[in-house]
Amino acid sequence: MNQTAVDCTHGLVGQSPEIGSIRRLIQKASRNRLPVLLLGETGTGKELVARAIYNANGHGQYIPIDCGSLVSPLMGSDLFGYVKGAFSGADTDKRGLIELADGGTALFDEIGDLPFEMQVKLLRFLQEGEFRAVGALHSRKVDIRIIAATNRDLRAEVAAGRFREDLFYRLDVFVIHIPPLREHKQDIPLLIEHFLDQAHASGLPALRLGDELLATMLSYDWPGNIRELQHCLDRMAALSSEGALQTADLPSALQPHAASSGLRRLSDAVEHEPLRKFETAPKSPVVSIADSEKHTIANALAATGGERGKTARLLGIGRTTLYRKMNEYGLEGRTCPARLAFGILCDLRPDADGRPIREPHLDPHRAQRPSVSHARFEIDPLTSRRVDQPQLLTGSTAAGSSVRRKCVSRRHPAK
C-alpha cells in the first residue's frame, strides 16, 4: 500500500481533496479541548475520525458512548454512576462512563438519539464541567474532551422540538462534515486494496479485483458508505479462493446493479463504436424436415377447405397425429392456403362483397360483413322437393320468401 494513501497518524485511506481536508481539520482539532461535532451519514467513518482526534493528542482514556443503546431508566446511572444504597440492588459504588473518561475523551455517538430528559443533564455537565452520581449528595468535577457524532440534521431536529437548542449550540463549536463515499469515489480503489490486505492479514486468501468488477463497484453509489464496501469485500474474500474476483462474486444485493451496469457499459460502447456492415449468409437450398412437413400440412388443409378428417386421410395419417402436428407448427384453428405456413394471416370467410379477407385486423368492414352459416334447406312450393341453399345469418327470412314468391309469380302468372 502506498504510504501517502494511508496517513500513519490518522489512519484515513484516500488521496481525494475531501479526505485531505478532513486530515487537516483533525490536526487542528487536536491542538485544543473544544467540543467537536462530527456530521455524516451512517458508515462514513465518524468514529474513525473521533479516534484519530484522540490519538493526535493522546491524553487520558478514550470512552465511546453509544447513545442509541442506553436504556432510559438506567441511563443516568450508566453515564454518571451511582453510590451504594442509591436504589435497591446498589450494594457498592459504581463509576459511570463520564467519570471513566476523566482526563481523556468521550465520544457521544449518535447523540441525536439521546432522550430529551437526558439532554438537560448533559447540557448542565457541559456548562459546569461537573456531574453528580445517582444517590450522591455532592457533585464532582471532571476534565473531559467531548466529541459528538450523529447522522441526523440537528438543526432540523431543533426546529422539530426533538433536540434542545442550547445543547446544539454548546456542541456546534468545531464541526467536521464527513462526506459520503459517493462524493469521493476516486478513493474506492485504495479502499479496496486496503481492505483486501486486511482480509489477507487475518488469514483469508490473497485476492484482487477484475477490471469489470472494479468498474461495477466504481459506478455503485454505496448507500452504506465505507462500512458497506468493507463488508462486501470481506464477504467475497471469505467465499472465494485465491485469484481475481469477478462480478459473479458480488453479494446478491448488488447483482441487479451489476447487471444494469453491464448493460450501460455495452450501450456506451455501441454508441461510441461505429457500426460495422454485416453480410447475411446466402439462403440454403436445403429445407428442413420440419418446414417441409409444415408446408405439406398447410397445403392439405387448404385443399380440403380445413376439413380435418379429409386432411388426415389425404396425408395418410391419423387425426390425432394431425392435431398434434397442427398444434406443433402453429396451424391450430387456421383454415387458409399454404402461405399461412410462412406467417401470413388469412381468413377464408368473405367480406361484404364476397371476397376473402387476408388480414382481418385491417378490414374496416369486418364488424359489418355477414358470415356464411351452415347449409339450410326448405321445400320448393312448385316441385315439393327439398332444396339446399346457403343463407346469410344477417339476411331476413321475410326478404328471402319475398324473392321466392316473385319467382313463382313469373313462372305461373295469375289467371
Foldseek 3Di string as FASTA:
>chain_A
DDCVQAPPLLRHGHDDVLVVVLVVLLLVLLVDQAFEEEEEAAQLCPVSSVVSSQSSNVWADEAEDEQQPDDVVCNQCQAAWAAAPLDPPRNHTDGHSPVNQFGGEYEHEACLNHFPVVLVQVLVCLVPQWHAHRPDDDIDHGRYRYYYYHHDDVVVCVVVVGHPPSSVVSNPDRYRYRYFCLVPLVRVVRLLVVLLVVLVVVPFAREAEDPLLSQLVSPDNPSNGSVVVSVQSNQLRVPDHYYYDYLVSTDPVSNVSSVVSVVVVVVVCPVPDDDDDDDDDDDDPDDDPLLVVLLLLQQLLQVVQNDLVSSCVVVVHDSVVSCVSCVVQVNPPDRHHSCVSVPFAWDQWAFQVGHGDRDLVPDPRNVPGWGKDPWDWDAQPPPRDIDIDIDTPPDDPVVVVVVSVVVVCVVPPDD
